[in-house]
PDB file of all heavy atoms in Angstrom:
ATOM      1  N   GLY A   1     153.987 219.071 124.171  1.00  0.00           N
ATOM      2  CA  GLY A   1     154.649 219.910 125.262  1.00  0.00           C
ATOM      3  C   GLY A   1     155.495 221.016 124.393  1.00  0.00           C
ATOM      4  O   GLY A   1     154.893 221.689 123.544  1.00  0.00           O
ATOM      5  N   SER A   2     156.685 221.207 124.796  1.00  0.00           N
ATOM      6  CA  SER A   2     157.534 222.386 124.132  1.00  0.00           C
ATOM      7  C   SER A   2     158.174 221.707 123.076  1.00  0.00           C
ATOM      8  O   SER A   2     159.414 221.529 123.074  1.00  0.00           O
ATOM      9  CB  SER A   2     158.468 222.782 125.278  1.00  0.00           C
ATOM     10  OG  SER A   2     159.263 221.654 125.729  1.00  0.00           O
ATOM     11  N   THR A   3     157.598 221.550 122.013  1.00  0.00           N
ATOM     12  CA  THR A   3     158.234 221.044 120.710  1.00  0.00           C
ATOM     13  C   THR A   3     158.709 222.279 120.004  1.00  0.00           C
ATOM     14  O   THR A   3     158.133 223.308 120.099  1.00  0.00           O
ATOM     15  CB  THR A   3     157.301 220.347 119.773  1.00  0.00           C
ATOM     16  OG1 THR A   3     156.107 221.092 119.478  1.00  0.00           O
ATOM     17  CG2 THR A   3     156.834 218.998 120.525  1.00  0.00           C
ATOM     18  N   HIS A   4     159.765 222.070 119.290  1.00  0.00           N
ATOM     19  CA  HIS A   4     160.316 223.265 118.424  1.00  0.00           C
ATOM     20  C   HIS A   4     159.604 223.149 116.933  1.00  0.00           C
ATOM     21  O   HIS A   4     159.220 224.354 116.560  1.00  0.00           O
ATOM     22  CB  HIS A   4     161.867 222.985 118.243  1.00  0.00           C
ATOM     23  CG  HIS A   4     162.573 223.086 119.600  1.00  0.00           C
ATOM     24  ND1 HIS A   4     162.445 224.265 120.350  1.00  0.00           N
ATOM     25  CD2 HIS A   4     163.299 222.093 120.121  1.00  0.00           C
ATOM     26  CE1 HIS A   4     163.227 224.030 121.397  1.00  0.00           C
ATOM     27  NE2 HIS A   4     163.573 222.766 121.435  1.00  0.00           N
ATOM     28  N   ALA A   5     159.479 222.064 116.508  1.00  0.00           N
ATOM     29  CA  ALA A   5     158.866 221.982 115.038  1.00  0.00           C
ATOM     30  C   ALA A   5     158.495 220.502 114.884  1.00  0.00           C
ATOM     31  O   ALA A   5     158.999 219.517 115.650  1.00  0.00           O
ATOM     32  CB  ALA A   5     159.874 222.428 114.157  1.00  0.00           C
ATOM     33  N   MET A   6     157.817 220.395 113.790  1.00  0.00           N
ATOM     34  CA  MET A   6     157.418 218.890 113.412  1.00  0.00           C
ATOM     35  C   MET A   6     157.171 218.968 111.871  1.00  0.00           C
ATOM     36  O   MET A   6     157.144 220.101 111.372  1.00  0.00           O
ATOM     37  CB  MET A   6     156.195 218.464 114.144  1.00  0.00           C
ATOM     38  CG  MET A   6     154.900 219.402 113.935  1.00  0.00           C
ATOM     39  SD  MET A   6     153.640 218.826 115.141  1.00  0.00           S
ATOM     40  CE  MET A   6     154.387 219.080 116.743  1.00  0.00           C
ATOM     41  N   GLY A   7     157.198 217.827 111.206  1.00  0.00           N
ATOM     42  CA  GLY A   7     156.955 217.896 109.813  1.00  0.00           C
ATOM     43  C   GLY A   7     157.134 216.563 109.102  1.00  0.00           C
ATOM     44  O   GLY A   7     156.941 215.538 109.965  1.00  0.00           O
ATOM     45  N   TRP A   8     157.024 216.589 107.836  1.00  0.00           N
ATOM     46  CA  TRP A   8     157.105 215.267 107.071  1.00  0.00           C
ATOM     47  C   TRP A   8     158.208 215.342 106.023  1.00  0.00           C
ATOM     48  O   TRP A   8     158.402 216.523 105.375  1.00  0.00           O
ATOM     49  CB  TRP A   8     155.774 215.193 106.369  1.00  0.00           C
ATOM     50  CG  TRP A   8     154.560 214.865 107.309  1.00  0.00           C
ATOM     51  CD1 TRP A   8     153.850 215.941 107.988  1.00  0.00           C
ATOM     52  CD2 TRP A   8     154.107 213.736 107.640  1.00  0.00           C
ATOM     53  NE1 TRP A   8     152.907 215.218 108.693  1.00  0.00           N
ATOM     54  CE2 TRP A   8     152.911 213.955 108.541  1.00  0.00           C
ATOM     55  CE3 TRP A   8     154.427 212.348 107.328  1.00  0.00           C
ATOM     56  CZ2 TRP A   8     152.206 212.957 109.176  1.00  0.00           C
ATOM     57  CZ3 TRP A   8     153.639 211.287 107.964  1.00  0.00           C
ATOM     58  CH2 TRP A   8     152.618 211.683 108.760  1.00  0.00           C
ATOM     59  N   TYR A   9     158.962 214.313 105.804  1.00  0.00           N
ATOM     60  CA  TYR A   9     159.811 214.069 104.735  1.00  0.00           C
ATOM     61  C   TYR A   9     159.218 212.844 104.024  1.00  0.00           C
ATOM     62  O   TYR A   9     158.369 212.260 104.436  1.00  0.00           O
ATOM     63  CB  TYR A   9     161.249 213.654 105.253  1.00  0.00           C
ATOM     64  CG  TYR A   9     162.032 214.746 105.691  1.00  0.00           C
ATOM     65  CD1 TYR A   9     161.804 215.552 106.863  1.00  0.00           C
ATOM     66  CD2 TYR A   9     163.163 215.122 104.770  1.00  0.00           C
ATOM     67  CE1 TYR A   9     162.670 216.585 107.109  1.00  0.00           C
ATOM     68  CE2 TYR A   9     163.980 216.152 105.138  1.00  0.00           C
ATOM     69  CZ  TYR A   9     163.776 216.970 106.417  1.00  0.00           C
ATOM     70  OH  TYR A   9     164.671 217.843 106.651  1.00  0.00           O
ATOM     71  N   ARG A  10     159.834 212.673 102.763  1.00  0.00           N
ATOM     72  CA  ARG A  10     159.368 211.523 101.995  1.00  0.00           C
ATOM     73  C   ARG A  10     160.693 210.937 101.179  1.00  0.00           C
ATOM     74  O   ARG A  10     161.651 211.677 101.027  1.00  0.00           O
ATOM     75  CB  ARG A  10     158.242 211.864 100.986  1.00  0.00           C
ATOM     76  CG  ARG A  10     158.841 212.715  99.788  1.00  0.00           C
ATOM     77  CD  ARG A  10     157.556 212.996  98.953  1.00  0.00           C
ATOM     78  NE  ARG A  10     157.931 213.696  97.717  1.00  0.00           N
ATOM     79  CZ  ARG A  10     157.167 214.159  96.841  1.00  0.00           C
ATOM     80  NH1 ARG A  10     155.767 214.072  97.008  1.00  0.00           N
ATOM     81  NH2 ARG A  10     157.599 214.786  95.775  1.00  0.00           N
ATOM     82  N   GLY A  11     160.689 209.756 101.128  1.00  0.00           N
ATOM     83  CA  GLY A  11     161.838 209.041 100.345  1.00  0.00           C
ATOM     84  C   GLY A  11     161.241 207.989  99.336  1.00  0.00           C
ATOM     85  O   GLY A  11     160.392 207.262  99.710  1.00  0.00           O
ATOM     86  N   ALA A  12     161.876 208.027  98.202  1.00  0.00           N
ATOM     87  CA  ALA A  12     161.492 207.077  97.082  1.00  0.00           C
ATOM     88  C   ALA A  12     162.904 206.378  96.762  1.00  0.00           C
ATOM     89  O   ALA A  12     163.879 206.755  96.979  1.00  0.00           O
ATOM     90  CB  ALA A  12     160.967 207.791  95.943  1.00  0.00           C
ATOM     91  N   PRO A  13     162.718 205.113  96.297  1.00  0.00           N
ATOM     92  CA  PRO A  13     163.896 204.289  95.925  1.00  0.00           C
ATOM     93  C   PRO A  13     164.739 205.037  94.953  1.00  0.00           C
ATOM     94  O   PRO A  13     164.232 205.565  93.926  1.00  0.00           O
ATOM     95  CB  PRO A  13     163.254 203.075  95.218  1.00  0.00           C
ATOM     96  CG  PRO A  13     161.865 202.957  95.887  1.00  0.00           C
ATOM     97  CD  PRO A  13     161.417 204.406  96.118  1.00  0.00           C
ATOM     98  N   GLY A  14     166.034 205.189  95.333  1.00  0.00           N
ATOM     99  CA  GLY A  14     167.055 205.664  94.369  1.00  0.00           C
ATOM    100  C   GLY A  14     167.138 207.166  94.570  1.00  0.00           C
ATOM    101  O   GLY A  14     167.757 207.864  93.790  1.00  0.00           O
ATOM    102  N   LYS A  15     166.294 207.723  95.448  1.00  0.00           N
ATOM    103  CA  LYS A  15     166.274 209.234  95.570  1.00  0.00           C
ATOM    104  C   LYS A  15     166.478 209.621  97.062  1.00  0.00           C
ATOM    105  O   LYS A  15     166.242 208.812  97.951  1.00  0.00           O
ATOM    106  CB  LYS A  15     164.878 209.783  95.155  1.00  0.00           C
ATOM    107  CG  LYS A  15     164.496 209.709  93.817  1.00  0.00           C
ATOM    108  CD  LYS A  15     163.116 210.128  93.490  1.00  0.00           C
ATOM    109  CE  LYS A  15     163.095 211.782  93.502  1.00  0.00           C
ATOM    110  NZ  LYS A  15     161.704 212.276  93.286  1.00  0.00           N
ATOM    111  N   GLN A  16     167.060 210.810  97.250  1.00  0.00           N
ATOM    112  CA  GLN A  16     167.307 211.267  98.614  1.00  0.00           C
ATOM    113  C   GLN A  16     166.133 211.568  99.250  1.00  0.00           C
ATOM    114  O   GLN A  16     165.016 212.009  98.571  1.00  0.00           O
ATOM    115  CB  GLN A  16     168.272 212.570  98.476  1.00  0.00           C
ATOM    116  CG  GLN A  16     169.731 212.252  98.707  1.00  0.00           C
ATOM    117  CD  GLN A  16     170.396 213.464  98.945  1.00  0.00           C
ATOM    118  OE1 GLN A  16     170.097 214.557  98.343  1.00  0.00           O
ATOM    119  NE2 GLN A  16     171.464 213.523  99.823  1.00  0.00           N
ATOM    120  N   ARG A  17     166.107 211.501 100.588  1.00  0.00           N
ATOM    121  CA  ARG A  17     164.879 211.825 101.412  1.00  0.00           C
ATOM    122  C   ARG A  17     164.745 213.325 101.260  1.00  0.00           C
ATOM    123  O   ARG A  17     165.689 214.024 101.325  1.00  0.00           O
ATOM    124  CB  ARG A  17     165.113 211.370 102.766  1.00  0.00           C
ATOM    125  CG  ARG A  17     163.845 211.555 103.579  1.00  0.00           C
ATOM    126  CD  ARG A  17     163.996 211.061 105.017  1.00  0.00           C
ATOM    127  NE  ARG A  17     164.128 209.568 105.187  1.00  0.00           N
ATOM    128  CZ  ARG A  17     164.024 208.924 106.271  1.00  0.00           C
ATOM    129  NH1 ARG A  17     163.881 209.602 107.433  1.00  0.00           N
ATOM    130  NH2 ARG A  17     164.359 207.580 106.347  1.00  0.00           N
ATOM    131  N   GLU A  18     163.543 213.847 101.019  1.00  0.00           N
ATOM    132  CA  GLU A  18     163.249 215.318 100.696  1.00  0.00           C
ATOM    133  C   GLU A  18     162.199 215.688 101.640  1.00  0.00           C
ATOM    134  O   GLU A  18     161.250 214.981 102.086  1.00  0.00           O
ATOM    135  CB  GLU A  18     162.930 215.551  99.328  1.00  0.00           C
ATOM    136  CG  GLU A  18     161.755 214.798  98.893  1.00  0.00           C
ATOM    137  CD  GLU A  18     161.503 214.738  97.323  1.00  0.00           C
ATOM    138  OE1 GLU A  18     162.247 215.523  96.576  1.00  0.00           O
ATOM    139  OE2 GLU A  18     160.502 214.209  96.804  1.00  0.00           O
ATOM    140  N   LEU A  19     162.468 216.971 102.055  1.00  0.00           N
ATOM    141  CA  LEU A  19     161.538 217.668 103.010  1.00  0.00           C
ATOM    142  C   LEU A  19     160.125 217.994 102.263  1.00  0.00           C
ATOM    143  O   LEU A  19     160.255 218.491 101.218  1.00  0.00           O
ATOM    144  CB  LEU A  19     162.010 218.942 103.578  1.00  0.00           C
ATOM    145  CG  LEU A  19     161.155 219.793 104.470  1.00  0.00           C
ATOM    146  CD1 LEU A  19     160.972 219.062 105.809  1.00  0.00           C
ATOM    147  CD2 LEU A  19     161.781 221.096 104.767  1.00  0.00           C
ATOM    148  N   VAL A  20     159.120 217.653 102.918  1.00  0.00           N
ATOM    149  CA  VAL A  20     157.724 217.964 102.332  1.00  0.00           C
ATOM    150  C   VAL A  20     157.096 219.119 102.964  1.00  0.00           C
ATOM    151  O   VAL A  20     156.620 220.096 102.191  1.00  0.00           O
ATOM    152  CB  VAL A  20     156.773 216.726 102.471  1.00  0.00           C
ATOM    153  CG1 VAL A  20     155.395 216.969 101.885  1.00  0.00           C
ATOM    154  CG2 VAL A  20     157.394 215.488 101.829  1.00  0.00           C
ATOM    155  N   ALA A  21     156.988 219.125 104.275  1.00  0.00           N
ATOM    156  CA  ALA A  21     156.240 220.143 104.980  1.00  0.00           C
ATOM    157  C   ALA A  21     156.849 220.325 106.367  1.00  0.00           C
ATOM    158  O   ALA A  21     157.280 219.289 107.041  1.00  0.00           O
ATOM    159  CB  ALA A  21     154.735 219.907 105.064  1.00  0.00           C
ATOM    160  N   ILE A  22     156.838 221.531 106.939  1.00  0.00           N
ATOM    161  CA  ILE A  22     157.172 221.803 108.292  1.00  0.00           C
ATOM    162  C   ILE A  22     156.189 222.767 108.931  1.00  0.00           C
ATOM    163  O   ILE A  22     155.553 223.629 108.272  1.00  0.00           O
ATOM    164  CB  ILE A  22     158.587 222.666 108.248  1.00  0.00           C
ATOM    165  CG1 ILE A  22     159.730 221.851 107.652  1.00  0.00           C
ATOM    166  CG2 ILE A  22     158.830 223.098 109.754  1.00  0.00           C
ATOM    167  CD1 ILE A  22     161.002 222.702 107.605  1.00  0.00           C
ATOM    168  N   LEU A  23     156.007 222.458 110.196  1.00  0.00           N
ATOM    169  CA  LEU A  23     155.117 223.188 111.052  1.00  0.00           C
ATOM    170  C   LEU A  23     155.881 223.573 112.242  1.00  0.00           C
ATOM    171  O   LEU A  23     156.360 222.895 113.070  1.00  0.00           O
ATOM    172  CB  LEU A  23     153.860 222.381 111.609  1.00  0.00           C
ATOM    173  CG  LEU A  23     152.854 223.057 112.442  1.00  0.00           C
ATOM    174  CD1 LEU A  23     152.195 224.249 111.920  1.00  0.00           C
ATOM    175  CD2 LEU A  23     151.710 222.023 112.697  1.00  0.00           C
ATOM    176  N   SER A  24     156.124 224.977 112.467  1.00  0.00           N
ATOM    177  CA  SER A  24     156.977 225.500 113.563  1.00  0.00           C
ATOM    178  C   SER A  24     156.168 225.450 114.835  1.00  0.00           C
ATOM    179  O   SER A  24     154.863 225.488 114.991  1.00  0.00           O
ATOM    180  CB  SER A  24     157.383 226.826 113.251  1.00  0.00           C
ATOM    181  OG  SER A  24     156.405 227.854 113.271  1.00  0.00           O
ATOM    182  N   SER A  25     156.812 225.601 115.943  1.00  0.00           N
ATOM    183  CA  SER A  25     156.176 225.787 117.249  1.00  0.00           C
ATOM    184  C   SER A  25     155.252 226.990 117.266  1.00  0.00           C
ATOM    185  O   SER A  25     154.243 226.878 117.973  1.00  0.00           O
ATOM    186  CB  SER A  25     157.190 225.920 118.307  1.00  0.00           C
ATOM    187  OG  SER A  25     157.999 227.068 118.133  1.00  0.00           O
ATOM    188  N   GLY A  26     155.459 228.025 116.564  1.00  0.00           N
ATOM    189  CA  GLY A  26     154.559 229.210 116.492  1.00  0.00           C
ATOM    190  C   GLY A  26     153.479 229.028 115.488  1.00  0.00           C
ATOM    191  O   GLY A  26     152.680 229.995 115.338  1.00  0.00           O
ATOM    192  N   GLY A  27     153.415 227.893 114.842  1.00  0.00           N
ATOM    193  CA  GLY A  27     152.319 227.714 113.926  1.00  0.00           C
ATOM    194  C   GLY A  27     152.511 228.063 112.425  1.00  0.00           C
ATOM    195  O   GLY A  27     151.743 227.947 111.672  1.00  0.00           O
ATOM    196  N   ASP A  28     153.791 228.516 112.198  1.00  0.00           N
ATOM    197  CA  ASP A  28     154.075 228.753 110.891  1.00  0.00           C
ATOM    198  C   ASP A  28     154.316 227.546 110.043  1.00  0.00           C
ATOM    199  O   ASP A  28     154.913 226.638 110.565  1.00  0.00           O
ATOM    200  CB  ASP A  28     155.327 229.675 110.719  1.00  0.00           C
ATOM    201  CG  ASP A  28     155.200 231.063 111.457  1.00  0.00           C
ATOM    202  OD1 ASP A  28     154.140 231.630 111.220  1.00  0.00           O
ATOM    203  OD2 ASP A  28     156.118 231.522 112.075  1.00  0.00           O
ATOM    204  N   THR A  29     153.902 227.468 108.688  1.00  0.00           N
ATOM    205  CA  THR A  29     154.124 226.377 108.051  1.00  0.00           C
ATOM    206  C   THR A  29     155.089 226.753 106.643  1.00  0.00           C
ATOM    207  O   THR A  29     155.051 227.764 106.186  1.00  0.00           O
ATOM    208  CB  THR A  29     152.837 225.910 107.358  1.00  0.00           C
ATOM    209  OG1 THR A  29     152.086 226.909 106.604  1.00  0.00           O
ATOM    210  CG2 THR A  29     151.929 225.427 108.494  1.00  0.00           C
ATOM    211  N   ASP A  30     155.688 225.727 106.198  1.00  0.00           N
ATOM    212  CA  ASP A  30     156.467 225.886 105.000  1.00  0.00           C
ATOM    213  C   ASP A  30     156.467 224.552 104.222  1.00  0.00           C
ATOM    214  O   ASP A  30     156.399 223.501 104.889  1.00  0.00           O
ATOM    215  CB  ASP A  30     157.927 226.146 105.360  1.00  0.00           C
ATOM    216  CG  ASP A  30     158.716 226.781 104.223  1.00  0.00           C
ATOM    217  OD1 ASP A  30     158.061 227.147 103.108  1.00  0.00           O
ATOM    218  OD2 ASP A  30     159.839 226.864 104.215  1.00  0.00           O
ATOM    219  N   TYR A  31     156.375 224.680 102.916  1.00  0.00           N
ATOM    220  CA  TYR A  31     156.215 223.499 102.087  1.00  0.00           C
ATOM    221  C   TYR A  31     157.240 223.485 101.025  1.00  0.00           C
ATOM    222  O   TYR A  31     157.729 224.537 100.444  1.00  0.00           O
ATOM    223  CB  TYR A  31     154.866 223.520 101.503  1.00  0.00           C
ATOM    224  CG  TYR A  31     153.690 223.461 102.466  1.00  0.00           C
ATOM    225  CD1 TYR A  31     153.128 224.647 102.932  1.00  0.00           C
ATOM    226  CD2 TYR A  31     153.168 222.250 102.968  1.00  0.00           C
ATOM    227  CE1 TYR A  31     152.183 224.613 103.857  1.00  0.00           C
ATOM    228  CE2 TYR A  31     152.131 222.110 103.870  1.00  0.00           C
ATOM    229  CZ  TYR A  31     151.562 223.422 104.259  1.00  0.00           C
ATOM    230  OH  TYR A  31     150.606 223.386 105.185  1.00  0.00           O
ATOM    231  N   ALA A  32     157.566 222.177 100.554  1.00  0.00           N
ATOM    232  CA  ALA A  32     158.397 222.215  99.332  1.00  0.00           C
ATOM    233  C   ALA A  32     157.535 222.611  98.153  1.00  0.00           C
ATOM    234  O   ALA A  32     156.298 222.493  98.182  1.00  0.00           O
ATOM    235  CB  ALA A  32     158.703 220.680  99.174  1.00  0.00           C
ATOM    236  N   GLY A  33     158.280 223.118  97.106  1.00  0.00           N
ATOM    237  CA  GLY A  33     157.567 223.765  96.068  1.00  0.00           C
ATOM    238  C   GLY A  33     156.759 222.750  95.237  1.00  0.00           C
ATOM    239  O   GLY A  33     155.595 222.978  94.821  1.00  0.00           O
ATOM    240  N   PHE A  34     157.125 221.414  95.296  1.00  0.00           N
ATOM    241  CA  PHE A  34     156.446 220.421  94.555  1.00  0.00           C
ATOM    242  C   PHE A  34     155.011 220.086  95.205  1.00  0.00           C
ATOM    243  O   PHE A  34     154.327 219.271  94.611  1.00  0.00           O
ATOM    244  CB  PHE A  34     157.390 219.296  94.235  1.00  0.00           C
ATOM    245  CG  PHE A  34     157.989 218.594  95.518  1.00  0.00           C
ATOM    246  CD1 PHE A  34     157.234 217.758  96.333  1.00  0.00           C
ATOM    247  CD2 PHE A  34     159.300 218.941  95.680  1.00  0.00           C
ATOM    248  CE1 PHE A  34     157.901 217.314  97.384  1.00  0.00           C
ATOM    249  CE2 PHE A  34     159.926 218.388  96.754  1.00  0.00           C
ATOM    250  CZ  PHE A  34     159.273 217.451  97.709  1.00  0.00           C
ATOM    251  N   VAL A  35     154.833 220.397  96.438  1.00  0.00           N
ATOM    252  CA  VAL A  35     153.613 220.142  97.052  1.00  0.00           C
ATOM    253  C   VAL A  35     152.819 221.402  97.531  1.00  0.00           C
ATOM    254  O   VAL A  35     151.615 221.271  97.870  1.00  0.00           O
ATOM    255  CB  VAL A  35     153.684 219.250  98.340  1.00  0.00           C
ATOM    256  CG1 VAL A  35     154.621 217.902  98.001  1.00  0.00           C
ATOM    257  CG2 VAL A  35     154.459 220.072  99.525  1.00  0.00           C
TER     258      VAL A  35
END
């Protein structure tokens, strides 16, 4: 329906959860540099 955005994070033991990828409602994407 009317979502604003969606995406993926990842978390490893001993590390902070980090953003991996975002998909905006308009279809724009953004990625972490490491992926």
